[in-house]
Amino acid sequence: MTLPDTMRYIDLPTPGGPEAMTLANGPLPVPKDDEVLIRVMAAGVNRPDVMQRKGLYPPPPGASPILGLEVAGEVAALGPMASGFYPGHKVAALCNGGGYAEYVAVPCGQCVHWPSGYDALKAAALPENFFTVWANLFDMAGLRPEDSLLVHGGTSGIGLTAIQLARAQGSAVFATAGSDEKCAFIERYGASAINYHKRDFQQVVAEATGKRGVDVILDMVGGPYIQKNIKSLAPRGRLVQVAFQQGAKAELDLLPVMLKRLTITGSTLRPRTSAEKAAIAEALKHKIWPLLETGRVDPVIDRVFPLEEAAKAHALMEASTHIGKILLRVSG
């Protein structure tokens, strides 16, 4: 495969609003020993991208400063120690950065082949959500088929992924959303929806479970939800925190944690080592990819923007009116 001398990418000269991002031209990244160079066809837009754009989430040392944490495309070149892929292979990848570009270098362990029957857009909707949900909900929280689950932000990419994977194994699921339209969408996937503008989720969960509570809560809201989450957990329940859209700090009464023997945990993906991310990728290939290939689980895509309209994609993300993934189309 003949590589061009330069590529288009989204530059961020200074942190700011969506308009701070500009389309630029620059050199292609050079893959390190264990990396593959991917010709990007589509890239996912995620809230960490918005935080980085605002200057609140700097990339880890050694990562590309270009925005973008997930892509789908075609392997264009390999580092000398990279294995498992060849030029021309279609892959989805969890990036350490650099996804808003025509080419990105990614450790080979963070790449997976597209599920059978998928195109670039559907494949690009997978990495960030499925890596996050698997690592937090199934690996760390140990969600079992007999467990009940409460998902906050049920129509987000992560929320819909969590609902589908939990329902696929037979877990009962509650999910919150901010409109009747979003609640109706959630219920199509077998979850009991709670419109948080109309009902208190703590009260709904208590009534539905006979005051026992749910076994696991996946939360990306934080702030005032944290204490209510603790009160909504059943004995030996697990609260998993993956974001803090309403703040990371709250005043807590920890007595219920002791009395009910609760676990409070959480994580972020980006700071994890390549080996940790590769282990998640292996688990996904064996346990989740068959669900995708049979259609039992399917990513939900809201809107697709061309790369040069990344600012519009970020504005939609911040408006929180979307349902599912927002994507950038980079090349054919």
C-alpha atoms as a PDB file:
ATOM      1  CA  MET A   1       0.000   0.000   0.000  1.00  0.00           C
ATOM      2  CA  THR A   2       1.462   3.351  -1.082  1.00  0.00           C
ATOM      3  CA  LEU A   3       1.224   5.917   1.686  1.00  0.00           C
ATOM      4  CA  PRO A   4       0.767   9.659   1.109  1.00  0.00           C
ATOM      5  CA  ASP A   5       3.244  12.200   2.436  1.00  0.00           C
ATOM      6  CA  THR A   6       0.643  14.085   4.469  1.00  0.00           C
ATOM      7  CA  MET A   7      -2.789  13.547   5.984  1.00  0.00           C
ATOM      8  CA  ARG A   8      -5.788  15.628   7.027  1.00  0.00           C
ATOM      9  CA  TYR A   9      -6.520  15.795  10.742  1.00  0.00           C
ATOM     10  CA  ILE A  10      -8.414  17.903  13.255  1.00  0.00           C
ATOM     11  CA  ASP A  11      -6.052  20.289  14.991  1.00  0.00           C
ATOM     12  CA  LEU A  12      -6.650  22.014  18.324  1.00  0.00           C
ATOM     13  CA  PRO A  13      -4.346  25.054  18.424  1.00  0.00           C
ATOM     14  CA  THR A  14      -5.767  26.156  21.784  1.00  0.00           C
ATOM     15  CA  PRO A  15      -8.426  24.662  24.092  1.00  0.00           C
ATOM     16  CA  GLY A  16     -11.912  26.091  23.764  1.00  0.00           C
ATOM     17  CA  GLY A  17     -15.355  25.536  22.304  1.00  0.00           C
ATOM     18  CA  PRO A  18     -16.149  23.380  19.280  1.00  0.00           C
ATOM     19  CA  GLU A  19     -14.990  26.185  16.986  1.00  0.00           C
ATOM     20  CA  ALA A  20     -11.450  25.827  18.401  1.00  0.00           C
ATOM     21  CA  MET A  21     -10.969  22.727  16.242  1.00  0.00           C
ATOM     22  CA  THR A  22      -9.635  23.278  12.735  1.00  0.00           C
ATOM     23  CA  LEU A  23      -8.901  21.032   9.745  1.00  0.00           C
ATOM     24  CA  ALA A  24      -5.165  20.839   9.118  1.00  0.00           C
ATOM     25  CA  ASN A  25      -2.565  18.921   7.115  1.00  0.00           C
ATOM     26  CA  GLY A  26       0.474  17.253   8.603  1.00  0.00           C
ATOM     27  CA  PRO A  27       2.778  14.240   8.493  1.00  0.00           C
ATOM     28  CA  LEU A  28       1.551  10.690   9.020  1.00  0.00           C
ATOM     29  CA  PRO A  29       2.348   9.088  12.386  1.00  0.00           C
ATOM     30  CA  VAL A  30       5.121   6.483  12.330  1.00  0.00           C
ATOM     31  CA  PRO A  31       4.121   3.204  13.996  1.00  0.00           C
ATOM     32  CA  LYS A  32       6.291   2.122  16.921  1.00  0.00           C
ATOM     33  CA  ASP A  33       7.593  -1.438  17.253  1.00  0.00           C
ATOM     34  CA  ASP A  34       4.302  -2.963  18.446  1.00  0.00           C
ATOM     35  CA  GLU A  35       1.928  -0.659  16.553  1.00  0.00           C
ATOM     36  CA  VAL A  36      -0.070  -0.799  13.354  1.00  0.00           C
ATOM     37  CA  LEU A  37      -0.741   2.211  11.153  1.00  0.00           C
ATOM     38  CA  ILE A  38      -4.443   2.413  10.305  1.00  0.00           C
ATOM     39  CA  ARG A  39      -5.965   4.266   7.371  1.00  0.00           C
ATOM     40  CA  VAL A  40      -8.990   5.651   9.181  1.00  0.00           C
ATOM     41  CA  MET A  41     -12.402   5.296   7.565  1.00  0.00           C
ATOM     42  CA  ALA A  42     -14.525   6.368  10.537  1.00  0.00           C
ATOM     43  CA  ALA A  43     -13.905   7.668  14.051  1.00  0.00           C
ATOM     44  CA  GLY A  44     -16.066   7.830  17.159  1.00  0.00           C
ATOM     45  CA  VAL A  45     -16.825  11.015  19.091  1.00  0.00           C
ATOM     46  CA  ASN A  46     -16.803  10.652  22.878  1.00  0.00           C
ATOM     47  CA  ARG A  47     -17.139  12.860  25.947  1.00  0.00           C
ATOM     48  CA  PRO A  48     -13.433  12.514  26.813  1.00  0.00           C
ATOM     49  CA  ASP A  49     -12.765  14.177  23.430  1.00  0.00           C
ATOM     50  CA  VAL A  50     -14.929  17.110  24.537  1.00  0.00           C
ATOM     51  CA  MET A  51     -13.050  17.326  27.834  1.00  0.00           C
ATOM     52  CA  GLN A  52      -9.696  17.256  26.035  1.00  0.00           C
ATOM     53  CA  ARG A  53     -10.892  19.965  23.653  1.00  0.00           C
ATOM     54  CA  LYS A  54     -11.738  22.132  26.669  1.00  0.00           C
ATOM     55  CA  GLY A  55      -8.287  21.565  28.170  1.00  0.00           C
ATOM     56  CA  LEU A  56      -9.620  19.397  31.025  1.00  0.00           C
ATOM     57  CA  TYR A  57      -8.305  15.972  29.951  1.00  0.00           C
ATOM     58  CA  PRO A  58      -4.736  16.082  28.639  1.00  0.00           C
ATOM     59  CA  PRO A  59      -3.436  13.038  26.748  1.00  0.00           C
ATOM     60  CA  PRO A  60      -1.147  10.697  28.712  1.00  0.00           C
ATOM     61  CA  PRO A  61       2.625  10.879  28.125  1.00  0.00           C
ATOM     62  CA  GLY A  62       3.594   9.614  24.693  1.00  0.00           C
ATOM     63  CA  ALA A  63       0.057   9.698  23.272  1.00  0.00           C
ATOM     64  CA  SER A  64      -0.886  11.697  20.196  1.00  0.00           C
ATOM     65  CA  PRO A  65      -2.206  15.181  21.043  1.00  0.00           C
ATOM     66  CA  ILE A  66      -4.788  14.811  18.264  1.00  0.00           C
ATOM     67  CA  LEU A  67      -8.316  14.130  19.536  1.00  0.00           C
ATOM     68  CA  GLY A  68      -9.984  10.763  19.014  1.00  0.00           C
ATOM     69  CA  LEU A  69     -10.059   7.517  21.020  1.00  0.00           C
ATOM     70  CA  GLU A  70     -11.616   5.017  18.597  1.00  0.00           C
ATOM     71  CA  VAL A  71     -11.486   4.305  14.881  1.00  0.00           C
ATOM     72  CA  ALA A  72     -12.278   1.750  12.239  1.00  0.00           C
ATOM     73  CA  GLY A  73     -10.252   1.378   9.092  1.00  0.00           C
ATOM     74  CA  GLU A  74      -7.673  -0.591   7.181  1.00  0.00           C
ATOM     75  CA  VAL A  75      -4.203  -1.633   8.293  1.00  0.00           C
ATOM     76  CA  ALA A  76      -1.766   0.312   6.129  1.00  0.00           C
ATOM     77  CA  ALA A  77       1.614  -0.577   7.699  1.00  0.00           C
ATOM     78  CA  LEU A  78       3.074  -2.398  10.702  1.00  0.00           C
ATOM     79  CA  GLY A  79       5.820  -1.738  13.191  1.00  0.00           C
ATOM     80  CA  PRO A  80       8.644  -4.302  13.191  1.00  0.00           C
ATOM     81  CA  MET A  81       7.270  -6.221  16.220  1.00  0.00           C
ATOM     82  CA  ALA A  82       3.551  -5.941  15.461  1.00  0.00           C
ATOM     83  CA  SER A  83       1.722  -9.234  14.933  1.00  0.00           C
ATOM     84  CA  GLY A  84      -1.726 -10.613  14.256  1.00  0.00           C
ATOM     85  CA  PHE A  85      -2.561  -8.263  11.389  1.00  0.00           C
ATOM     86  CA  TYR A  86      -1.475  -7.619   7.814  1.00  0.00           C
ATOM     87  CA  PRO A  87      -1.877  -4.641   5.458  1.00  0.00           C
ATOM     88  CA  GLY A  88      -5.433  -4.625   4.174  1.00  0.00           C
ATOM     89  CA  HIS A  89      -7.007  -6.116   7.305  1.00  0.00           C
ATOM     90  CA  LYS A  90     -10.120  -4.249   8.433  1.00  0.00           C
ATOM     91  CA  VAL A  91      -9.819  -3.355  12.127  1.00  0.00           C
ATOM     92  CA  ALA A  92     -11.543  -1.403  14.866  1.00  0.00           C
ATOM     93  CA  ALA A  93      -9.161   0.089  17.394  1.00  0.00           C
ATOM     94  CA  LEU A  94      -9.134   1.692  20.815  1.00  0.00           C
ATOM     95  CA  CYS A  95      -6.682   4.555  20.328  1.00  0.00           C
ATOM     96  CA  ASN A  96      -4.558   6.346  22.903  1.00  0.00           C
ATOM     97  CA  GLY A  97      -5.263   9.482  20.861  1.00  0.00           C
ATOM     98  CA  GLY A  98      -5.058  10.577  17.242  1.00  0.00           C
ATOM     99  CA  GLY A  99      -8.358   9.222  15.914  1.00  0.00           C
ATOM    100  CA  TYR A 100      -9.595  12.426  14.262  1.00  0.00           C
ATOM    101  CA  ALA A 101      -7.200  11.939  11.353  1.00  0.00           C
ATOM    102  CA  GLU A 102      -6.769  10.035   8.108  1.00  0.00           C
ATOM    103  CA  TYR A 103      -4.079   7.841   9.692  1.00  0.00           C
ATOM    104  CA  VAL A 104      -3.429   6.767  13.280  1.00  0.00           C
ATOM    105  CA  ALA A 105      -0.868   4.477  14.942  1.00  0.00           C
ATOM    106  CA  VAL A 106      -2.276   2.077  17.550  1.00  0.00           C
ATOM    107  CA  PRO A 107      -0.733  -0.774  19.597  1.00  0.00           C
ATOM    108  CA  CYS A 108      -1.710  -3.980  17.799  1.00  0.00           C
ATOM    109  CA  GLY A 109      -3.207  -5.475  20.984  1.00  0.00           C
ATOM    110  CA  GLN A 110      -5.821  -2.704  21.027  1.00  0.00           C
ATOM    111  CA  CYS A 111      -7.091  -3.659  17.565  1.00  0.00           C
ATOM    112  CA  VAL A 112      -9.796  -6.174  16.703  1.00  0.00           C
ATOM    113  CA  HIS A 113     -11.101  -7.382  13.356  1.00  0.00           C
ATOM    114  CA  TRP A 114     -14.484  -6.037  12.340  1.00  0.00           C
ATOM    115  CA  PRO A 115     -17.354  -8.339  13.311  1.00  0.00           C
ATOM    116  CA  SER A 116     -18.657 -10.301  10.327  1.00  0.00           C
ATOM    117  CA  GLY A 117     -21.059  -8.205   8.239  1.00  0.00           C
ATOM    118  CA  TYR A 118     -19.968  -4.861   9.701  1.00  0.00           C
ATOM    119  CA  ASP A 119     -18.942  -1.747   7.788  1.00  0.00           C
ATOM    120  CA  ALA A 120     -16.590   0.997   8.954  1.00  0.00           C
ATOM    121  CA  LEU A 121     -19.272   3.078  10.650  1.00  0.00           C
ATOM    122  CA  LYS A 122     -20.671   0.224  12.732  1.00  0.00           C
ATOM    123  CA  ALA A 123     -17.158  -0.968  13.585  1.00  0.00           C
ATOM    124  CA  ALA A 124     -16.088   2.532  14.699  1.00  0.00           C
ATOM    125  CA  ALA A 125     -19.029   2.612  17.121  1.00  0.00           C
ATOM    126  CA  LEU A 126     -17.627  -0.319  19.098  1.00  0.00           C
ATOM    127  CA  PRO A 127     -14.244   0.194  20.818  1.00  0.00           C
ATOM    128  CA  GLU A 128     -14.739   2.935  23.411  1.00  0.00           C
ATOM    129  CA  ASN A 129     -18.167   1.739  24.540  1.00  0.00           C
ATOM    130  CA  PHE A 130     -17.539  -1.996  24.536  1.00  0.00           C
ATOM    131  CA  PHE A 131     -14.069  -1.803  26.109  1.00  0.00           C
ATOM    132  CA  THR A 132     -15.472   0.501  28.822  1.00  0.00           C
ATOM    133  CA  VAL A 133     -18.577  -1.548  29.576  1.00  0.00           C
ATOM    134  CA  TRP A 134     -16.759  -4.870  29.606  1.00  0.00           C
ATOM    135  CA  ALA A 135     -13.943  -3.616  31.843  1.00  0.00           C
ATOM    136  CA  ASN A 136     -16.223  -1.906  34.352  1.00  0.00           C
ATOM    137  CA  LEU A 137     -19.512  -3.769  34.350  1.00  0.00           C
ATOM    138  CA  PHE A 138     -18.405  -7.348  33.762  1.00  0.00           C
ATOM    139  CA  ASP A 139     -14.754  -7.494  34.805  1.00  0.00           C
ATOM    140  CA  MET A 140     -14.709  -5.142  37.806  1.00  0.00           C
ATOM    141  CA  ALA A 141     -18.348  -5.335  38.981  1.00  0.00           C
ATOM    142  CA  GLY A 142     -18.833  -8.976  37.978  1.00  0.00           C
ATOM    143  CA  LEU A 143     -22.390  -8.552  36.683  1.00  0.00           C
ATOM    144  CA  ARG A 144     -24.069 -11.978  36.640  1.00  0.00           C
ATOM    145  CA  PRO A 145     -27.216 -13.106  34.823  1.00  0.00           C
ATOM    146  CA  GLU A 146     -29.147 -13.214  38.108  1.00  0.00           C
ATOM    147  CA  ASP A 147     -28.096  -9.664  39.061  1.00  0.00           C
ATOM    148  CA  SER A 148     -30.201  -6.541  38.566  1.00  0.00           C
ATOM    149  CA  LEU A 149     -28.629  -3.421  37.080  1.00  0.00           C
ATOM    150  CA  LEU A 150     -29.321   0.318  37.085  1.00  0.00           C
ATOM    151  CA  VAL A 151     -27.750   2.301  34.233  1.00  0.00           C
ATOM    152  CA  HIS A 152     -27.633   6.088  34.336  1.00  0.00           C
ATOM    153  CA  GLY A 153     -27.522   7.842  30.979  1.00  0.00           C
ATOM    154  CA  GLY A 154     -29.358   4.990  29.309  1.00  0.00           C
ATOM    155  CA  THR A 155     -29.364   6.464  25.790  1.00  0.00           C
ATOM    156  CA  SER A 156     -25.664   7.285  25.705  1.00  0.00           C
ATOM    157  CA  GLY A 157     -23.389   4.993  23.745  1.00  0.00           C
ATOM    158  CA  ILE A 158     -22.135   3.419  26.964  1.00  0.00           C
ATOM    159  CA  GLY A 159     -25.645   3.222  28.396  1.00  0.00           C
ATOM    160  CA  LEU A 160     -27.142   1.416  25.402  1.00  0.00           C
ATOM    161  CA  THR A 161     -24.158  -0.941  25.259  1.00  0.00           C
ATOM    162  CA  ALA A 162     -24.554  -1.799  28.950  1.00  0.00           C
ATOM    163  CA  ILE A 163     -28.294  -2.363  28.587  1.00  0.00           C
ATOM    164  CA  GLN A 164     -27.896  -4.649  25.585  1.00  0.00           C
ATOM    165  CA  LEU A 165     -25.080  -6.734  27.053  1.00  0.00           C
ATOM    166  CA  ALA A 166     -26.826  -7.092  30.415  1.00  0.00           C
ATOM    167  CA  ARG A 167     -30.118  -8.094  28.788  1.00  0.00           C
ATOM    168  CA  ALA A 168     -28.306 -10.530  26.485  1.00  0.00           C
ATOM    169  CA  GLN A 169     -27.201 -12.505  29.538  1.00  0.00           C
ATOM    170  CA  GLY A 170     -30.592 -12.261  31.240  1.00  0.00           C
ATOM    171  CA  SER A 171     -30.051  -9.509  33.821  1.00  0.00           C
ATOM    172  CA  ALA A 172     -32.967  -7.267  34.786  1.00  0.00           C
ATOM    173  CA  VAL A 173     -32.150  -3.653  33.882  1.00  0.00           C
ATOM    174  CA  PHE A 174     -33.391  -0.217  34.957  1.00  0.00           C
ATOM    175  CA  ALA A 175     -32.134   2.840  33.070  1.00  0.00           C
ATOM    176  CA  THR A 176     -32.541   6.591  33.461  1.00  0.00           C
ATOM    177  CA  ALA A 177     -33.036   9.161  30.709  1.00  0.00           C
ATOM    178  CA  GLY A 178     -34.206  12.752  30.438  1.00  0.00           C
ATOM    179  CA  SER A 179     -37.230  12.559  28.141  1.00  0.00           C
ATOM    180  CA  ASP A 180     -40.202  10.341  27.346  1.00  0.00           C
ATOM    181  CA  GLU A 181     -38.778   9.830  23.845  1.00  0.00           C
ATOM    182  CA  LYS A 182     -35.496   8.541  25.258  1.00  0.00           C
ATOM    183  CA  CYS A 183     -37.306   6.360  27.780  1.00  0.00           C
ATOM    184  CA  ALA A 184     -39.380   4.783  25.000  1.00  0.00           C
ATOM    185  CA  PHE A 185     -36.167   4.052  23.083  1.00  0.00           C
ATOM    186  CA  ILE A 186     -34.608   2.397  26.130  1.00  0.00           C
ATOM    187  CA  GLU A 187     -37.637   0.178  26.635  1.00  0.00           C
ATOM    188  CA  ARG A 188     -37.219  -1.201  23.097  1.00  0.00           C
ATOM    189  CA  TYR A 189     -34.100  -2.921  24.451  1.00  0.00           C
ATOM    190  CA  GLY A 190     -35.870  -4.565  27.379  1.00  0.00           C
ATOM    191  CA  ALA A 191     -34.990  -2.133  30.165  1.00  0.00           C
ATOM    192  CA  SER A 192     -37.375  -0.455  32.596  1.00  0.00           C
ATOM    193  CA  ALA A 193     -36.946   3.256  31.839  1.00  0.00           C
ATOM    194  CA  ILE A 194     -37.071   6.076  34.391  1.00  0.00           C
ATOM    195  CA  ASN A 195     -37.558   9.685  33.259  1.00  0.00           C
ATOM    196  CA  TYR A 196     -35.469  11.489  35.865  1.00  0.00           C
ATOM    197  CA  HIS A 197     -37.303  14.773  35.202  1.00  0.00           C
ATOM    198  CA  LYS A 198     -40.558  13.165  36.322  1.00  0.00           C
ATOM    199  CA  ARG A 199     -39.635  10.479  38.840  1.00  0.00           C
ATOM    200  CA  ASP A 200     -36.960   9.937  41.490  1.00  0.00           C
ATOM    201  CA  PHE A 201     -34.923   6.913  40.424  1.00  0.00           C
ATOM    202  CA  GLN A 202     -34.228   5.980  44.045  1.00  0.00           C
ATOM    203  CA  GLN A 203     -37.961   5.766  44.758  1.00  0.00           C
ATOM    204  CA  VAL A 204     -38.686   3.818  41.544  1.00  0.00           C
ATOM    205  CA  VAL A 205     -35.945   1.256  42.280  1.00  0.00           C
ATOM    206  CA  ALA A 206     -37.121   0.853  45.882  1.00  0.00           C
ATOM    207  CA  GLU A 207     -40.713   0.245  44.795  1.00  0.00           C
ATOM    208  CA  ALA A 208     -39.760  -2.147  41.996  1.00  0.00           C
ATOM    209  CA  THR A 209     -37.427  -4.247  44.153  1.00  0.00           C
ATOM    210  CA  GLY A 210     -39.421  -4.323  47.376  1.00  0.00           C
ATOM    211  CA  LYS A 211     -36.872  -1.939  48.933  1.00  0.00           C
ATOM    212  CA  ARG A 212     -34.057  -4.457  48.337  1.00  0.00           C
ATOM    213  CA  GLY A 213     -32.277  -2.338  45.713  1.00  0.00           C
ATOM    214  CA  VAL A 214     -30.290  -3.374  42.639  1.00  0.00           C
ATOM    215  CA  ASP A 215     -27.096  -5.406  42.594  1.00  0.00           C
ATOM    216  CA  VAL A 216     -25.051  -3.146  40.322  1.00  0.00           C
ATOM    217  CA  ILE A 217     -25.216   0.522  39.291  1.00  0.00           C
ATOM    218  CA  LEU A 218     -23.285   1.931  36.317  1.00  0.00           C
ATOM    219  CA  ASP A 219     -23.060   5.691  36.771  1.00  0.00           C
ATOM    220  CA  MET A 220     -21.592   8.493  34.678  1.00  0.00           C
ATOM    221  CA  VAL A 221     -23.364  11.360  36.468  1.00  0.00           C
ATOM    222  CA  GLY A 222     -21.745  11.541  39.907  1.00  0.00           C
ATOM    223  CA  GLY A 223     -22.414  14.570  42.103  1.00  0.00           C
ATOM    224  CA  PRO A 224     -25.866  14.371  43.727  1.00  0.00           C
ATOM    225  CA  TYR A 225     -26.420  10.857  42.345  1.00  0.00           C
ATOM    226  CA  ILE A 226     -23.666   9.261  44.414  1.00  0.00           C
ATOM    227  CA  GLN A 227     -25.492   9.136  47.781  1.00  0.00           C
ATOM    228  CA  LYS A 228     -28.751   8.106  46.098  1.00  0.00           C
ATOM    229  CA  ASN A 229     -26.882   5.342  44.286  1.00  0.00           C
ATOM    230  CA  ILE A 230     -25.539   3.999  47.575  1.00  0.00           C
ATOM    231  CA  LYS A 231     -29.053   3.956  49.025  1.00  0.00           C
ATOM    232  CA  SER A 232     -30.346   2.181  45.888  1.00  0.00           C
ATOM    233  CA  LEU A 233     -27.933  -0.749  46.131  1.00  0.00           C
ATOM    234  CA  ALA A 234     -28.873  -4.162  47.485  1.00  0.00           C
ATOM    235  CA  PRO A 235     -26.694  -5.946  50.081  1.00  0.00           C
ATOM    236  CA  ARG A 236     -23.253  -6.667  48.550  1.00  0.00           C
ATOM    237  CA  GLY A 237     -24.121  -4.272  45.720  1.00  0.00           C
ATOM    238  CA  ARG A 238     -21.510  -2.655  43.480  1.00  0.00           C
ATOM    239  CA  LEU A 239     -21.419   0.983  42.343  1.00  0.00           C
ATOM    240  CA  VAL A 240     -19.270   1.466  39.240  1.00  0.00           C
ATOM    241  CA  GLN A 241     -18.320   5.040  38.353  1.00  0.00           C
ATOM    242  CA  VAL A 242     -17.188   5.726  34.764  1.00  0.00           C
ATOM    243  CA  ALA A 243     -17.630   9.528  34.606  1.00  0.00           C
ATOM    244  CA  PHE A 244     -18.706  12.535  36.674  1.00  0.00           C
ATOM    245  CA  GLN A 245     -20.873  14.765  34.497  1.00  0.00           C
ATOM    246  CA  GLN A 246     -22.254  16.537  37.574  1.00  0.00           C
ATOM    247  CA  GLY A 247     -19.061  16.556  39.596  1.00  0.00           C
ATOM    248  CA  ALA A 248     -16.629  14.168  41.270  1.00  0.00           C
ATOM    249  CA  LYS A 249     -17.233  15.448  44.801  1.00  0.00           C
ATOM    250  CA  ALA A 250     -20.176  14.782  47.103  1.00  0.00           C
ATOM    251  CA  GLU A 251     -20.869  14.603  50.831  1.00  0.00           C
ATOM    252  CA  LEU A 252     -21.467  10.948  51.666  1.00  0.00           C
ATOM    253  CA  ASP A 253     -22.943   8.950  54.501  1.00  0.00           C
ATOM    254  CA  LEU A 254     -20.826   5.792  54.372  1.00  0.00           C
ATOM    255  CA  LEU A 255     -22.786   3.868  56.983  1.00  0.00           C
ATOM    256  CA  PRO A 256     -24.879   2.078  54.301  1.00  0.00           C
ATOM    257  CA  VAL A 257     -21.615   0.982  52.664  1.00  0.00           C
ATOM    258  CA  MET A 258     -20.654  -0.798  55.876  1.00  0.00           C
ATOM    259  CA  LEU A 259     -24.083  -2.148  56.759  1.00  0.00           C
ATOM    260  CA  LYS A 260     -24.763  -3.523  53.257  1.00  0.00           C
ATOM    261  CA  ARG A 261     -21.131  -4.489  52.530  1.00  0.00           C
ATOM    262  CA  LEU A 262     -21.084  -2.430  49.345  1.00  0.00           C
ATOM    263  CA  THR A 263     -18.268  -1.960  46.837  1.00  0.00           C
ATOM    264  CA  ILE A 264     -17.580   1.396  45.194  1.00  0.00           C
ATOM    265  CA  THR A 265     -15.258   1.194  42.218  1.00  0.00           C
ATOM    266  CA  GLY A 266     -14.641   2.652  38.774  1.00  0.00           C
ATOM    267  CA  SER A 267     -12.000   3.270  36.175  1.00  0.00           C
ATOM    268  CA  THR A 268     -10.973   5.112  33.036  1.00  0.00           C
ATOM    269  CA  LEU A 269      -9.567   3.419  29.959  1.00  0.00           C
ATOM    270  CA  ARG A 270      -6.999   5.839  28.612  1.00  0.00           C
ATOM    271  CA  PRO A 271      -4.376   5.556  31.408  1.00  0.00           C
ATOM    272  CA  ARG A 272      -4.423   1.737  31.331  1.00  0.00           C
ATOM    273  CA  THR A 273      -1.419  -0.065  29.905  1.00  0.00           C
ATOM    274  CA  SER A 274      -1.441  -1.556  26.422  1.00  0.00           C
ATOM    275  CA  ALA A 275      -1.308  -5.014  28.020  1.00  0.00           C
ATOM    276  CA  GLU A 276      -4.465  -4.310  30.042  1.00  0.00           C
ATOM    277  CA  LYS A 277      -6.291  -3.008  26.975  1.00  0.00           C
ATOM    278  CA  ALA A 278      -5.131  -6.025  24.959  1.00  0.00           C
ATOM    279  CA  ALA A 279      -6.601  -8.334  27.610  1.00  0.00           C
ATOM    280  CA  ILE A 280      -9.946  -6.550  27.319  1.00  0.00           C
ATOM    281  CA  ALA A 281      -9.765  -6.870  23.524  1.00  0.00           C
ATOM    282  CA  GLU A 282      -9.234 -10.633  23.840  1.00  0.00           C
ATOM    283  CA  ALA A 283     -12.237 -10.983  26.139  1.00  0.00           C
ATOM    284  CA  LEU A 284     -14.402  -9.003  23.719  1.00  0.00           C
ATOM    285  CA  LYS A 285     -13.392 -11.152  20.759  1.00  0.00           C
ATOM    286  CA  HIS A 286     -14.371 -14.345  22.545  1.00  0.00           C
ATOM    287  CA  LYS A 287     -17.402 -13.255  24.564  1.00  0.00           C
ATOM    288  CA  ILE A 288     -18.973 -10.254  22.815  1.00  0.00           C
ATOM    289  CA  TRP A 289     -18.105 -10.433  19.102  1.00  0.00           C
ATOM    290  CA  PRO A 290     -20.359 -13.526  18.648  1.00  0.00           C
ATOM    291  CA  LEU A 291     -23.282 -11.470  20.000  1.00  0.00           C
ATOM    292  CA  LEU A 292     -22.531  -8.726  17.468  1.00  0.00           C
ATOM    293  CA  GLU A 293     -22.181 -11.139  14.577  1.00  0.00           C
ATOM    294  CA  THR A 294     -25.528 -12.798  15.312  1.00  0.00           C
ATOM    295  CA  GLY A 295     -27.298  -9.459  15.810  1.00  0.00           C
ATOM    296  CA  ARG A 296     -28.228 -10.087  19.444  1.00  0.00           C
ATOM    297  CA  VAL A 297     -26.345  -6.883  20.291  1.00  0.00           C
ATOM    298  CA  ASP A 298     -26.044  -3.986  17.841  1.00  0.00           C
ATOM    299  CA  PRO A 299     -24.436  -0.541  18.195  1.00  0.00           C
ATOM    300  CA  VAL A 300     -26.825   2.403  17.948  1.00  0.00           C
ATOM    301  CA  ILE A 301     -25.669   5.274  15.714  1.00  0.00           C
ATOM    302  CA  ASP A 302     -27.318   8.697  16.001  1.00  0.00           C
ATOM    303  CA  ARG A 303     -25.485  10.923  13.486  1.00  0.00           C
ATOM    304  CA  VAL A 304     -22.519  10.769  11.143  1.00  0.00           C
ATOM    305  CA  PHE A 305     -20.558  13.923  10.242  1.00  0.00           C
ATOM    306  CA  PRO A 306     -17.694  14.353   7.772  1.00  0.00           C
ATOM    307  CA  LEU A 307     -14.308  14.860   9.431  1.00  0.00           C
ATOM    308  CA  GLU A 308     -14.277  18.559   8.585  1.00  0.00           C
ATOM    309  CA  GLU A 309     -17.515  19.021  10.580  1.00  0.00           C
ATOM    310  CA  ALA A 310     -16.064  17.756  13.850  1.00  0.00           C
ATOM    311  CA  ALA A 311     -17.218  20.992  15.512  1.00  0.00           C
ATOM    312  CA  LYS A 312     -20.851  20.149  14.702  1.00  0.00           C
ATOM    313  CA  ALA A 313     -20.350  16.663  16.132  1.00  0.00           C
ATOM    314  CA  HIS A 314     -19.019  18.133  19.389  1.00  0.00           C
ATOM    315  CA  ALA A 315     -21.894  20.626  19.586  1.00  0.00           C
ATOM    316  CA  LEU A 316     -24.367  17.748  19.278  1.00  0.00           C
ATOM    317  CA  MET A 317     -22.515  15.778  21.962  1.00  0.00           C
ATOM    318  CA  GLU A 318     -22.674  18.730  24.356  1.00  0.00           C
ATOM    319  CA  ALA A 319     -26.376  19.324  23.640  1.00  0.00           C
ATOM    320  CA  SER A 320     -27.082  15.768  24.884  1.00  0.00           C
ATOM    321  CA  THR A 321     -30.002  15.361  22.491  1.00  0.00           C
ATOM    322  CA  HIS A 322     -28.451  12.377  20.704  1.00  0.00           C
ATOM    323  CA  ILE A 323     -29.318   8.713  21.209  1.00  0.00           C
ATOM    324  CA  GLY A 324     -26.345   6.399  20.762  1.00  0.00           C
ATOM    325  CA  LYS A 325     -23.078   7.097  18.979  1.00  0.00           C
ATOM    326  CA  ILE A 326     -21.895  10.179  17.114  1.00  0.00           C
ATOM    327  CA  LEU A 327     -19.368   9.368  14.382  1.00  0.00           C
ATOM    328  CA  LEU A 328     -17.030  11.082  11.932  1.00  0.00           C
ATOM    329  CA  ARG A 329     -16.702   9.758   8.394  1.00  0.00           C
ATOM    330  CA  VAL A 330     -13.048  10.137   7.461  1.00  0.00           C
ATOM    331  CA  SER A 331     -12.569   8.271   4.160  1.00  0.00           C
ATOM    332  CA  GLY A 332     -14.220   5.652   1.949  1.00  0.00           C
END
